[in-house]
Amino acid sequence: MRPDDLSVTVYLHKDPVDFRKSINGLAILVEPDMELNPFEKALFAFCNRQRDKIKILYGSRPT
């Protein structure tokens, strides 16, 4: 995964998440938990409970 812009912001979700969640489930967590817009041009990183896996959601506005 390589964003178009080199100066992209990265946000880390501090609590572990259920990795059975899909992209939509992770996007739903961004707004209430992180108080951010999931369509903001940024990377949103999520860890599992053991903190040995990571999922990254790349937010960008549709063109």
Protein backbone atom coordinates (compact mmCIF):
# COMPACT_ATOMS: atom_id res chain seq x y z
CA MET A 1 0.00 0.00 0.00
CA ARG A 2 1.45 3.32 -1.01
CA PRO A 3 -0.56 6.55 -0.71
CA ASP A 4 -0.21 9.07 -3.53
CA ASP A 5 0.94 11.81 -1.17
CA LEU A 6 4.13 11.34 0.85
CA SER A 7 2.91 13.62 3.64
CA VAL A 8 -0.06 11.49 4.70
CA THR A 9 -1.12 11.48 8.36
CA VAL A 10 -1.17 8.18 10.29
CA TYR A 11 -3.57 7.58 13.19
CA LEU A 12 -3.30 4.59 15.54
CA HIS A 13 -6.43 3.26 17.22
CA LYS A 14 -5.26 2.73 20.82
CA ASP A 15 -7.62 -0.11 21.78
CA PRO A 16 -7.44 -3.58 20.23
CA VAL A 17 -10.17 -4.37 17.69
CA ASP A 18 -11.91 -7.55 16.61
CA PHE A 19 -10.12 -8.55 13.40
CA ARG A 20 -13.29 -10.15 12.03
CA LYS A 21 -14.39 -6.59 11.23
CA SER A 22 -14.37 -5.66 7.56
CA ILE A 23 -13.35 -2.33 6.06
CA ASN A 24 -16.83 -0.97 6.79
CA GLY A 25 -16.63 -2.07 10.43
CA LEU A 26 -13.27 -0.38 10.88
CA ALA A 27 -14.50 2.81 9.19
CA ILE A 28 -17.42 2.89 11.62
CA LEU A 29 -14.93 2.85 14.53
CA VAL A 30 -13.00 5.85 13.21
CA GLU A 31 -15.75 8.40 13.71
CA PRO A 32 -16.96 7.74 17.31
CA ASP A 33 -13.78 6.29 18.85
CA MET A 34 -11.14 8.44 17.17
CA GLU A 35 -13.42 11.45 16.52
CA LEU A 36 -12.11 11.68 12.95
CA ASN A 37 -13.62 11.58 9.49
CA PRO A 38 -13.02 8.13 7.91
CA PHE A 39 -12.89 9.81 4.49
CA GLU A 40 -10.04 12.09 5.54
CA LYS A 41 -6.90 11.49 3.49
CA ALA A 42 -5.04 9.52 6.16
CA LEU A 43 -4.00 6.04 7.25
CA PHE A 44 -5.89 4.53 10.17
CA ALA A 45 -4.05 1.64 11.88
CA PHE A 46 -5.73 -0.99 14.05
CA CYS A 47 -4.12 -3.79 16.14
CA ASN A 48 -5.52 -7.07 17.39
CA ARG A 49 -5.61 -8.05 21.08
CA GLN A 50 -2.21 -9.81 20.96
CA ARG A 51 -0.74 -6.82 19.10
CA ASP A 52 0.95 -9.09 16.58
CA LYS A 53 -1.22 -8.13 13.59
CA ILE A 54 -2.23 -4.83 12.06
CA LYS A 55 -4.96 -3.67 9.69
CA ILE A 56 -4.68 -0.36 7.90
CA LEU A 57 -7.58 1.62 6.50
CA TYR A 58 -6.69 4.24 3.90
CA GLY A 59 -9.20 7.03 3.91
CA SER A 60 -9.59 9.13 0.80
CA ARG A 61 -12.41 11.04 -0.78
CA PRO A 62 -14.00 9.44 -3.83
CA THR A 63 -13.23 11.24 -7.08
